[in-house]
Amino acid sequence: MRSAPIGRRRRAPEVADTTCFELETVGRVAHLRLCRPDAYNTMTREFWSELPALVRQLDDAGEVRAIVISSTGKHFSAGMDLGVFTGDSLGDGAGSGGSTEAGRQRARVRQMVLALQDSFTALERARIPVLAAVQGGCIGGAVDMISACDLRYASADAFFVVQEINIGMTADVGTLQRLPKIIPDGIAREMAYLGRRLPAQRAYEVGLVNEVFEDHEALVDGVLGIATEIAEKSPLAIWGTKVAVTYARDHSVSDSLEHIANWQAGMFQPADMLECFTAKGEGRAPEFDDLLPNVKGL
């Protein structure tokens, strides 16, 4: 079955009630909007479960071919809500069998950090590209999030802050691991050591964002347009490209060349390439089958 036209507005997949996001699907692009502008879209406890659940659901279905994460209000996100650090999540005994023994509490903290990290790693694991559209402040945990996206764009008023150093802690949800792979090491260290604002234009100059748009409206329209263009490509080829680029980031050239050879041995099939050639000869846009749904178990 061939895909629906890219521009057609499609009903978003059924999702459980969410408190931090709104989801809309247009054509083959899913648009996730942070929707708590009065609270500067801080990352509450619900955020950390809702984001990966939505991304995995979209990815599992195989029907959309790109995801755009944008926001509402003055700021993209002010980062972690401090309420995440209260109660049994830090291992005070209530959620760890009543134990107050130090080793068990610290083990609980480690589990919590790994769980938070996994919420953003879900963006990286998705078979489809994830694009971030940032307006206003992108602070603390929001930098962790956009660092896990494939592409980043900003409005002219945007700025980026590794806020953790300003509150006496080390960033631990992905910024320090991914940011130096995106921008020069010295710039990443400067952001992490000083906690200064990196304005949108400077973020563009150092390669953190791909493009700066005049305002929020132009930003969202522009990024949705870029996502739509990605969605017009073969989803199987895009999946392979994302896997190969991400693998190459973390491995040697030699290992990465062997990896893509192994990938092609199994994944490369002529159907999508033939469709590209046929469509060009017929003067039309190519049409590709959706990815199959993810296997969820036997």
C-alpha atoms as a PDB file:
ATOM      1  CA  MET A   1       0.000   0.000   0.000  1.00  0.00           C
ATOM      2  CA  ARG A   2       1.389   3.392  -0.963  1.00  0.00           C
ATOM      3  CA  SER A   3       1.466   6.304   1.419  1.00  0.00           C
ATOM      4  CA  ALA A   4      -1.071   9.107   1.562  1.00  0.00           C
ATOM      5  CA  PRO A   5      -0.115  12.480   0.067  1.00  0.00           C
ATOM      6  CA  ILE A   6       2.362  14.265   2.291  1.00  0.00           C
ATOM      7  CA  GLY A   7       0.267  17.388   2.823  1.00  0.00           C
ATOM      8  CA  ARG A   8      -2.950  15.657   3.879  1.00  0.00           C
ATOM      9  CA  ARG A   9      -3.970  16.322   7.477  1.00  0.00           C
ATOM     10  CA  ARG A  10      -4.347  12.974   9.200  1.00  0.00           C
ATOM     11  CA  ARG A  11      -5.877  12.057  12.502  1.00  0.00           C
ATOM     12  CA  ALA A  12      -3.246  11.796  15.196  1.00  0.00           C
ATOM     13  CA  PRO A  13      -2.813   8.331  16.708  1.00  0.00           C
ATOM     14  CA  GLU A  14      -4.890   7.620  19.775  1.00  0.00           C
ATOM     15  CA  VAL A  15      -2.841   8.535  22.829  1.00  0.00           C
ATOM     16  CA  ALA A  16      -3.477   8.523  26.518  1.00  0.00           C
ATOM     17  CA  ASP A  17      -4.205  11.872  28.146  1.00  0.00           C
ATOM     18  CA  THR A  18      -1.037  13.916  28.471  1.00  0.00           C
ATOM     19  CA  THR A  19      -0.338  16.960  30.590  1.00  0.00           C
ATOM     20  CA  CYS A  20       2.828  18.264  28.924  1.00  0.00           C
ATOM     21  CA  PHE A  21       2.272  17.723  25.190  1.00  0.00           C
ATOM     22  CA  GLU A  22      -0.189  18.236  22.371  1.00  0.00           C
ATOM     23  CA  LEU A  23       0.102  15.970  19.337  1.00  0.00           C
ATOM     24  CA  GLU A  24      -0.977  16.729  15.775  1.00  0.00           C
ATOM     25  CA  THR A  25      -0.151  14.760  12.639  1.00  0.00           C
ATOM     26  CA  VAL A  26      -0.087  16.473   9.250  1.00  0.00           C
ATOM     27  CA  GLY A  27       0.656  14.187   6.327  1.00  0.00           C
ATOM     28  CA  ARG A  28       3.586  12.059   7.444  1.00  0.00           C
ATOM     29  CA  VAL A  29       4.880  14.514  10.057  1.00  0.00           C
ATOM     30  CA  ALA A  30       4.013  14.299  13.752  1.00  0.00           C
ATOM     31  CA  HIS A  31       4.084  17.602  15.622  1.00  0.00           C
ATOM     32  CA  LEU A  32       4.638  17.413  19.385  1.00  0.00           C
ATOM     33  CA  ARG A  33       4.134  20.698  21.234  1.00  0.00           C
ATOM     34  CA  LEU A  34       5.096  21.356  24.826  1.00  0.00           C
ATOM     35  CA  CYS A  35       1.907  22.908  26.168  1.00  0.00           C
ATOM     36  CA  ARG A  36       2.546  24.382  29.618  1.00  0.00           C
ATOM     37  CA  PRO A  37       3.568  27.940  28.663  1.00  0.00           C
ATOM     38  CA  ASP A  38       2.469  29.506  31.964  1.00  0.00           C
ATOM     39  CA  ALA A  39       5.001  27.259  33.726  1.00  0.00           C
ATOM     40  CA  TYR A  40       7.643  27.865  31.037  1.00  0.00           C
ATOM     41  CA  ASN A  41       7.193  24.247  29.957  1.00  0.00           C
ATOM     42  CA  THR A  42       9.225  22.907  32.838  1.00  0.00           C
ATOM     43  CA  MET A  43       9.821  19.175  32.843  1.00  0.00           C
ATOM     44  CA  THR A  44       7.548  17.717  35.502  1.00  0.00           C
ATOM     45  CA  ARG A  45       7.456  14.060  36.513  1.00  0.00           C
ATOM     46  CA  GLU A  46       4.779  13.463  33.887  1.00  0.00           C
ATOM     47  CA  PHE A  47       7.004  14.906  31.169  1.00  0.00           C
ATOM     48  CA  TRP A  48       9.626  12.206  31.625  1.00  0.00           C
ATOM     49  CA  SER A  49       7.167   9.404  30.975  1.00  0.00           C
ATOM     50  CA  GLU A  50       4.957  11.145  28.395  1.00  0.00           C
ATOM     51  CA  LEU A  51       7.750  12.124  25.981  1.00  0.00           C
ATOM     52  CA  PRO A  52       9.283   8.670  25.447  1.00  0.00           C
ATOM     53  CA  ALA A  53       5.844   7.045  25.392  1.00  0.00           C
ATOM     54  CA  LEU A  54       4.661   9.358  22.612  1.00  0.00           C
ATOM     55  CA  VAL A  55       7.851   8.999  20.593  1.00  0.00           C
ATOM     56  CA  ARG A  56       7.841   5.218  20.910  1.00  0.00           C
ATOM     57  CA  GLN A  57       4.179   5.038  19.952  1.00  0.00           C
ATOM     58  CA  LEU A  58       4.760   7.100  16.823  1.00  0.00           C
ATOM     59  CA  ASP A  59       7.847   5.121  15.932  1.00  0.00           C
ATOM     60  CA  ASP A  60       6.215   1.762  16.631  1.00  0.00           C
ATOM     61  CA  ALA A  61       3.306   2.464  14.279  1.00  0.00           C
ATOM     62  CA  GLY A  62       5.590   3.239  11.339  1.00  0.00           C
ATOM     63  CA  GLU A  63       3.121   5.694   9.807  1.00  0.00           C
ATOM     64  CA  VAL A  64       4.912   9.010  10.368  1.00  0.00           C
ATOM     65  CA  ARG A  65       8.299   9.771   8.870  1.00  0.00           C
ATOM     66  CA  ALA A  66       9.498  12.700  10.960  1.00  0.00           C
ATOM     67  CA  ILE A  67       8.738  14.231  14.353  1.00  0.00           C
ATOM     68  CA  VAL A  68       8.894  17.944  15.152  1.00  0.00           C
ATOM     69  CA  ILE A  69       9.138  19.010  18.789  1.00  0.00           C
ATOM     70  CA  SER A  70       8.162  22.642  19.309  1.00  0.00           C
ATOM     71  CA  SER A  71       6.794  24.611  22.225  1.00  0.00           C
ATOM     72  CA  THR A  72       4.378  27.320  23.284  1.00  0.00           C
ATOM     73  CA  GLY A  73       4.712  30.623  25.074  1.00  0.00           C
ATOM     74  CA  LYS A  74       7.769  32.769  25.731  1.00  0.00           C
ATOM     75  CA  HIS A  75      10.248  29.965  26.318  1.00  0.00           C
ATOM     76  CA  PHE A  76      10.848  26.551  24.775  1.00  0.00           C
ATOM     77  CA  SER A  77      11.507  25.053  28.221  1.00  0.00           C
ATOM     78  CA  ALA A  78      12.997  26.209  31.507  1.00  0.00           C
ATOM     79  CA  GLY A  79      14.252  22.675  32.141  1.00  0.00           C
ATOM     80  CA  MET A  80      13.743  20.309  35.028  1.00  0.00           C
ATOM     81  CA  ASP A  81      10.893  20.972  37.436  1.00  0.00           C
ATOM     82  CA  LEU A  82      12.381  20.763  40.917  1.00  0.00           C
ATOM     83  CA  GLY A  83       9.418  18.635  41.996  1.00  0.00           C
ATOM     84  CA  VAL A  84      11.100  15.742  40.187  1.00  0.00           C
ATOM     85  CA  PHE A  85      13.715  15.734  42.942  1.00  0.00           C
ATOM     86  CA  THR A  86      11.319  15.466  45.863  1.00  0.00           C
ATOM     87  CA  GLY A  87       9.758  12.480  47.589  1.00  0.00           C
ATOM     88  CA  ASP A  88      10.665   8.860  46.989  1.00  0.00           C
ATOM     89  CA  SER A  89      12.330   9.483  43.626  1.00  0.00           C
ATOM     90  CA  LEU A  90      15.556  10.297  45.451  1.00  0.00           C
ATOM     91  CA  GLY A  91      15.415   7.187  47.562  1.00  0.00           C
ATOM     92  CA  ASP A  92      14.341   8.657  50.899  1.00  0.00           C
ATOM     93  CA  GLY A  93      12.964   5.291  51.926  1.00  0.00           C
ATOM     94  CA  ALA A  94       9.341   5.598  50.849  1.00  0.00           C
ATOM     95  CA  GLY A  95       9.942   4.062  47.455  1.00  0.00           C
ATOM     96  CA  SER A  96      12.800   1.726  48.340  1.00  0.00           C
ATOM     97  CA  GLY A  97      11.141  -0.720  50.697  1.00  0.00           C
ATOM     98  CA  GLY A  98      11.467   1.676  53.624  1.00  0.00           C
ATOM     99  CA  SER A  99      15.259   1.374  53.712  1.00  0.00           C
ATOM    100  CA  THR A 100      17.287   4.435  54.650  1.00  0.00           C
ATOM    101  CA  GLU A 101      20.633   2.652  54.242  1.00  0.00           C
ATOM    102  CA  ALA A 102      23.002   4.893  52.265  1.00  0.00           C
ATOM    103  CA  GLY A 103      24.051   2.357  49.638  1.00  0.00           C
ATOM    104  CA  ARG A 104      20.475   1.512  48.750  1.00  0.00           C
ATOM    105  CA  GLN A 105      19.536   5.171  48.545  1.00  0.00           C
ATOM    106  CA  ARG A 106      22.462   5.958  46.242  1.00  0.00           C
ATOM    107  CA  ALA A 107      21.596   2.962  44.055  1.00  0.00           C
ATOM    108  CA  ARG A 108      18.100   4.418  43.794  1.00  0.00           C
ATOM    109  CA  VAL A 109      19.531   7.754  42.613  1.00  0.00           C
ATOM    110  CA  ARG A 110      21.518   5.960  39.923  1.00  0.00           C
ATOM    111  CA  GLN A 111      18.367   4.220  38.711  1.00  0.00           C
ATOM    112  CA  MET A 112      16.533   7.534  38.557  1.00  0.00           C
ATOM    113  CA  VAL A 113      19.268   9.210  36.503  1.00  0.00           C
ATOM    114  CA  LEU A 114      19.346   6.301  34.061  1.00  0.00           C
ATOM    115  CA  ALA A 115      15.555   6.486  33.698  1.00  0.00           C
ATOM    116  CA  LEU A 116      15.721  10.222  32.938  1.00  0.00           C
ATOM    117  CA  GLN A 117      18.482   9.624  30.402  1.00  0.00           C
ATOM    118  CA  ASP A 118      16.378   6.966  28.684  1.00  0.00           C
ATOM    119  CA  SER A 119      13.563   9.479  28.152  1.00  0.00           C
ATOM    120  CA  PHE A 120      15.798  11.427  25.771  1.00  0.00           C
ATOM    121  CA  THR A 121      17.628   8.435  24.325  1.00  0.00           C
ATOM    122  CA  ALA A 122      14.193   7.417  22.984  1.00  0.00           C
ATOM    123  CA  LEU A 123      14.562  10.294  20.506  1.00  0.00           C
ATOM    124  CA  GLU A 124      17.854   8.881  19.306  1.00  0.00           C
ATOM    125  CA  ARG A 125      16.545   5.315  19.078  1.00  0.00           C
ATOM    126  CA  ALA A 126      13.515   6.226  16.982  1.00  0.00           C
ATOM    127  CA  ARG A 127      13.715   5.035  13.380  1.00  0.00           C
ATOM    128  CA  ILE A 128      12.643   8.462  12.149  1.00  0.00           C
ATOM    129  CA  PRO A 129      14.351  11.869  12.440  1.00  0.00           C
ATOM    130  CA  VAL A 130      13.370  14.163  15.312  1.00  0.00           C
ATOM    131  CA  LEU A 131      13.631  17.924  14.746  1.00  0.00           C
ATOM    132  CA  ALA A 132      13.616  20.519  17.542  1.00  0.00           C
ATOM    133  CA  ALA A 133      12.182  24.028  17.026  1.00  0.00           C
ATOM    134  CA  VAL A 134      13.397  26.282  19.849  1.00  0.00           C
ATOM    135  CA  GLN A 135      12.045  29.707  20.779  1.00  0.00           C
ATOM    136  CA  GLY A 136      13.097  31.747  23.806  1.00  0.00           C
ATOM    137  CA  GLY A 137      14.948  29.937  26.554  1.00  0.00           C
ATOM    138  CA  CYS A 138      16.250  26.400  26.145  1.00  0.00           C
ATOM    139  CA  ILE A 139      17.548  25.819  29.643  1.00  0.00           C
ATOM    140  CA  GLY A 140      19.038  22.941  31.624  1.00  0.00           C
ATOM    141  CA  GLY A 141      17.205  19.722  30.813  1.00  0.00           C
ATOM    142  CA  ALA A 142      15.928  21.264  27.587  1.00  0.00           C
ATOM    143  CA  VAL A 143      19.507  21.333  26.289  1.00  0.00           C
ATOM    144  CA  ASP A 144      19.758  17.632  27.142  1.00  0.00           C
ATOM    145  CA  MET A 145      16.614  17.044  25.084  1.00  0.00           C
ATOM    146  CA  ILE A 146      17.528  18.992  21.970  1.00  0.00           C
ATOM    147  CA  SER A 147      21.007  17.443  22.011  1.00  0.00           C
ATOM    148  CA  ALA A 148      19.339  14.053  21.485  1.00  0.00           C
ATOM    149  CA  CYS A 149      17.402  15.320  18.442  1.00  0.00           C
ATOM    150  CA  ASP A 150      18.648  14.861  14.898  1.00  0.00           C
ATOM    151  CA  LEU A 151      18.286  18.497  13.849  1.00  0.00           C
ATOM    152  CA  ARG A 152      17.854  21.749  15.775  1.00  0.00           C
ATOM    153  CA  TYR A 153      16.438  25.103  14.675  1.00  0.00           C
ATOM    154  CA  ALA A 154      15.854  28.351  16.545  1.00  0.00           C
ATOM    155  CA  SER A 155      14.014  31.652  16.429  1.00  0.00           C
ATOM    156  CA  ALA A 156      16.071  34.826  16.640  1.00  0.00           C
ATOM    157  CA  ASP A 157      15.198  35.318  20.331  1.00  0.00           C
ATOM    158  CA  ALA A 158      16.301  31.819  21.366  1.00  0.00           C
ATOM    159  CA  PHE A 159      19.141  31.142  23.772  1.00  0.00           C
ATOM    160  CA  PHE A 160      20.679  28.010  25.263  1.00  0.00           C
ATOM    161  CA  VAL A 161      21.969  27.550  28.811  1.00  0.00           C
ATOM    162  CA  VAL A 162      23.609  24.576  30.531  1.00  0.00           C
ATOM    163  CA  GLN A 163      21.931  25.672  33.728  1.00  0.00           C
ATOM    164  CA  GLU A 164      23.057  22.832  35.984  1.00  0.00           C
ATOM    165  CA  ILE A 165      26.430  24.428  36.748  1.00  0.00           C
ATOM    166  CA  ASN A 166      24.613  27.546  37.977  1.00  0.00           C
ATOM    167  CA  ILE A 167      22.766  25.541  40.635  1.00  0.00           C
ATOM    168  CA  GLY A 168      25.762  23.581  41.863  1.00  0.00           C
ATOM    169  CA  MET A 169      25.391  20.307  39.989  1.00  0.00           C
ATOM    170  CA  THR A 170      26.824  18.439  37.018  1.00  0.00           C
ATOM    171  CA  ALA A 171      24.530  17.979  34.030  1.00  0.00           C
ATOM    172  CA  ASP A 172      23.691  14.281  33.862  1.00  0.00           C
ATOM    173  CA  VAL A 173      20.943  13.566  31.314  1.00  0.00           C
ATOM    174  CA  GLY A 174      22.933  13.773  28.068  1.00  0.00           C
ATOM    175  CA  THR A 175      24.218  17.311  27.489  1.00  0.00           C
ATOM    176  CA  LEU A 176      27.822  16.564  28.450  1.00  0.00           C
ATOM    177  CA  GLN A 177      27.839  13.370  26.393  1.00  0.00           C
ATOM    178  CA  ARG A 178      26.160  14.636  23.203  1.00  0.00           C
ATOM    179  CA  LEU A 179      26.934  18.343  23.012  1.00  0.00           C
ATOM    180  CA  PRO A 180      30.691  17.873  22.337  1.00  0.00           C
ATOM    181  CA  LYS A 181      29.727  15.643  19.390  1.00  0.00           C
ATOM    182  CA  ILE A 182      27.602  18.459  17.919  1.00  0.00           C
ATOM    183  CA  ILE A 183      29.688  21.590  18.528  1.00  0.00           C
ATOM    184  CA  PRO A 184      33.426  22.176  19.090  1.00  0.00           C
ATOM    185  CA  ASP A 185      34.697  20.713  22.346  1.00  0.00           C
ATOM    186  CA  GLY A 186      35.886  24.070  23.648  1.00  0.00           C
ATOM    187  CA  ILE A 187      32.504  25.693  23.080  1.00  0.00           C
ATOM    188  CA  ALA A 188      30.728  22.804  24.809  1.00  0.00           C
ATOM    189  CA  ARG A 189      33.086  23.068  27.786  1.00  0.00           C
ATOM    190  CA  GLU A 190      32.602  26.828  27.948  1.00  0.00           C
ATOM    191  CA  MET A 191      28.831  26.377  28.060  1.00  0.00           C
ATOM    192  CA  ALA A 192      29.116  23.661  30.698  1.00  0.00           C
ATOM    193  CA  TYR A 193      31.678  25.439  32.912  1.00  0.00           C
ATOM    194  CA  LEU A 194      30.247  28.957  32.771  1.00  0.00           C
ATOM    195  CA  GLY A 195      26.491  28.472  32.417  1.00  0.00           C
ATOM    196  CA  ARG A 196      26.221  31.526  30.181  1.00  0.00           C
ATOM    197  CA  ARG A 197      23.517  32.117  27.592  1.00  0.00           C
ATOM    198  CA  LEU A 198      24.432  31.090  24.066  1.00  0.00           C
ATOM    199  CA  PRO A 199      22.329  33.330  21.767  1.00  0.00           C
ATOM    200  CA  ALA A 200      20.667  31.919  18.671  1.00  0.00           C
ATOM    201  CA  GLN A 201      23.064  33.537  16.206  1.00  0.00           C
ATOM    202  CA  ARG A 202      26.100  32.211  18.069  1.00  0.00           C
ATOM    203  CA  ALA A 203      24.422  28.795  18.303  1.00  0.00           C
ATOM    204  CA  TYR A 204      24.112  28.865  14.516  1.00  0.00           C
ATOM    205  CA  GLU A 205      27.748  29.924  14.092  1.00  0.00           C
ATOM    206  CA  VAL A 206      29.064  27.019  16.181  1.00  0.00           C
ATOM    207  CA  GLY A 207      26.718  24.468  14.588  1.00  0.00           C
ATOM    208  CA  LEU A 208      24.283  23.819  17.424  1.00  0.00           C
ATOM    209  CA  VAL A 209      21.353  24.889  15.259  1.00  0.00           C
ATOM    210  CA  ASN A 210      20.969  24.504  11.505  1.00  0.00           C
ATOM    211  CA  GLU A 211      19.069  27.721  10.861  1.00  0.00           C
ATOM    212  CA  VAL A 212      17.718  30.763  12.689  1.00  0.00           C
ATOM    213  CA  PHE A 213      14.229  32.025  11.831  1.00  0.00           C
ATOM    214  CA  GLU A 214      12.903  35.540  12.379  1.00  0.00           C
ATOM    215  CA  ASP A 215      10.233  34.651  14.925  1.00  0.00           C
ATOM    216  CA  HIS A 216       8.362  31.762  16.533  1.00  0.00           C
ATOM    217  CA  GLU A 217       5.714  31.465  13.827  1.00  0.00           C
ATOM    218  CA  ALA A 218       8.286  31.411  11.027  1.00  0.00           C
ATOM    219  CA  LEU A 219      10.316  28.889  13.019  1.00  0.00           C
ATOM    220  CA  VAL A 220       7.502  26.377  13.400  1.00  0.00           C
ATOM    221  CA  ASP A 221       6.342  26.774   9.805  1.00  0.00           C
ATOM    222  CA  GLY A 222       9.895  26.419   8.545  1.00  0.00           C
ATOM    223  CA  VAL A 223      10.731  23.331  10.594  1.00  0.00           C
ATOM    224  CA  LEU A 224       7.465  21.625   9.661  1.00  0.00           C
ATOM    225  CA  GLY A 225       8.380  22.318   6.043  1.00  0.00           C
ATOM    226  CA  ILE A 226      11.814  20.742   6.493  1.00  0.00           C
ATOM    227  CA  ALA A 227      10.240  17.728   8.206  1.00  0.00           C
ATOM    228  CA  THR A 228       7.776  17.389   5.331  1.00  0.00           C
ATOM    229  CA  GLU A 229      10.659  17.352   2.868  1.00  0.00           C
ATOM    230  CA  ILE A 230      12.343  14.586   4.875  1.00  0.00           C
ATOM    231  CA  ALA A 231       9.041  12.690   4.923  1.00  0.00           C
ATOM    232  CA  GLU A 232       9.023  12.657   1.109  1.00  0.00           C
ATOM    233  CA  LYS A 233      12.161  10.498   1.057  1.00  0.00           C
ATOM    234  CA  SER A 234      12.269   6.709   1.324  1.00  0.00           C
ATOM    235  CA  PRO A 235      11.593   5.960   5.023  1.00  0.00           C
ATOM    236  CA  LEU A 236      13.785   2.866   4.828  1.00  0.00           C
ATOM    237  CA  ALA A 237      16.696   4.885   3.440  1.00  0.00           C
ATOM    238  CA  ILE A 238      16.165   7.579   6.090  1.00  0.00           C
ATOM    239  CA  TRP A 239      16.158   4.934   8.824  1.00  0.00           C
ATOM    240  CA  GLY A 240      19.414   3.468   7.537  1.00  0.00           C
ATOM    241  CA  THR A 241      20.949   6.935   7.276  1.00  0.00           C
ATOM    242  CA  LYS A 242      20.034   7.803  10.864  1.00  0.00           C
ATOM    243  CA  VAL A 243      21.408   4.504  12.156  1.00  0.00           C
ATOM    244  CA  ALA A 244      24.651   4.925  10.199  1.00  0.00           C
ATOM    245  CA  VAL A 245      25.273   8.543  11.221  1.00  0.00           C
ATOM    246  CA  THR A 246      24.562   7.842  14.891  1.00  0.00           C
ATOM    247  CA  TYR A 247      26.786   4.761  14.873  1.00  0.00           C
ATOM    248  CA  ALA A 248      29.617   6.666  13.152  1.00  0.00           C
ATOM    249  CA  ARG A 249      29.434   9.381  15.804  1.00  0.00           C
ATOM    250  CA  ASP A 250      30.388   6.870  18.486  1.00  0.00           C
ATOM    251  CA  HIS A 251      32.765   4.554  16.563  1.00  0.00           C
ATOM    252  CA  SER A 252      35.875   4.644  14.384  1.00  0.00           C
ATOM    253  CA  VAL A 253      35.676   5.140  10.625  1.00  0.00           C
ATOM    254  CA  SER A 254      36.775   1.548  10.090  1.00  0.00           C
ATOM    255  CA  ASP A 255      34.097   0.138  12.394  1.00  0.00           C
ATOM    256  CA  SER A 256      31.475   2.406  10.862  1.00  0.00           C
ATOM    257  CA  LEU A 257      32.297   1.346   7.319  1.00  0.00           C
ATOM    258  CA  GLU A 258      31.912  -2.304   8.298  1.00  0.00           C
ATOM    259  CA  HIS A 259      28.671  -1.464  10.090  1.00  0.00           C
ATOM    260  CA  ILE A 260      27.078   0.162   7.046  1.00  0.00           C
ATOM    261  CA  ALA A 261      28.252  -2.731   4.830  1.00  0.00           C
ATOM    262  CA  ASN A 262      26.470  -5.149   7.157  1.00  0.00           C
ATOM    263  CA  TRP A 263      23.375  -2.934   7.221  1.00  0.00           C
ATOM    264  CA  GLN A 264      23.227  -2.738   3.440  1.00  0.00           C
ATOM    265  CA  ALA A 265      23.654  -6.490   3.103  1.00  0.00           C
ATOM    266  CA  GLY A 266      20.309  -6.932   4.823  1.00  0.00           C
ATOM    267  CA  MET A 267      18.397  -3.682   4.285  1.00  0.00           C
ATOM    268  CA  PHE A 268      19.284  -2.529   0.778  1.00  0.00           C
ATOM    269  CA  GLN A 269      16.539  -3.515  -1.642  1.00  0.00           C
ATOM    270  CA  PRO A 270      15.921  -2.002  -5.101  1.00  0.00           C
ATOM    271  CA  ALA A 271      12.209  -1.190  -4.783  1.00  0.00           C
ATOM    272  CA  ASP A 272      12.540   2.349  -3.396  1.00  0.00           C
ATOM    273  CA  MET A 273      15.394   3.216  -5.740  1.00  0.00           C
ATOM    274  CA  LEU A 274      13.380   1.994  -8.738  1.00  0.00           C
ATOM    275  CA  GLU A 275      10.412   4.063  -7.545  1.00  0.00           C
ATOM    276  CA  CYS A 276      12.645   7.169  -7.449  1.00  0.00           C
ATOM    277  CA  PHE A 277      13.785   6.622 -11.019  1.00  0.00           C
ATOM    278  CA  THR A 278      10.285   5.807 -12.249  1.00  0.00           C
ATOM    279  CA  ALA A 279       8.748   8.844 -10.555  1.00  0.00           C
ATOM    280  CA  LYS A 280      11.399  11.134 -12.008  1.00  0.00           C
ATOM    281  CA  GLY A 281      10.761   9.773 -15.481  1.00  0.00           C
ATOM    282  CA  GLU A 282       7.015  10.283 -15.048  1.00  0.00           C
ATOM    283  CA  GLY A 283       7.396  13.787 -13.634  1.00  0.00           C
ATOM    284  CA  ARG A 284       5.806  13.016 -10.256  1.00  0.00           C
ATOM    285  CA  ALA A 285       6.810  12.716  -6.625  1.00  0.00           C
ATOM    286  CA  PRO A 286       7.875   9.224  -5.566  1.00  0.00           C
ATOM    287  CA  GLU A 287       5.623   7.238  -3.248  1.00  0.00           C
ATOM    288  CA  PHE A 288       7.004   4.771  -0.734  1.00  0.00           C
ATOM    289  CA  ASP A 289       5.568   2.097   1.513  1.00  0.00           C
ATOM    290  CA  ASP A 290       5.472   2.884   5.227  1.00  0.00           C
ATOM    291  CA  LEU A 291       7.866   1.146   7.543  1.00  0.00           C
ATOM    292  CA  LEU A 292       6.373  -1.941   9.111  1.00  0.00           C
ATOM    293  CA  PRO A 293       5.274  -1.530  12.740  1.00  0.00           C
ATOM    294  CA  ASN A 294       7.958  -2.327  15.283  1.00  0.00           C
ATOM    295  CA  VAL A 295       7.926  -5.881  16.562  1.00  0.00           C
ATOM    296  CA  LYS A 296       6.558  -5.787  20.099  1.00  0.00           C
ATOM    297  CA  GLY A 297       7.102  -9.432  20.981  1.00  0.00           C
ATOM    298  CA  LEU A 298       6.020 -12.842  19.760  1.00  0.00           C
END
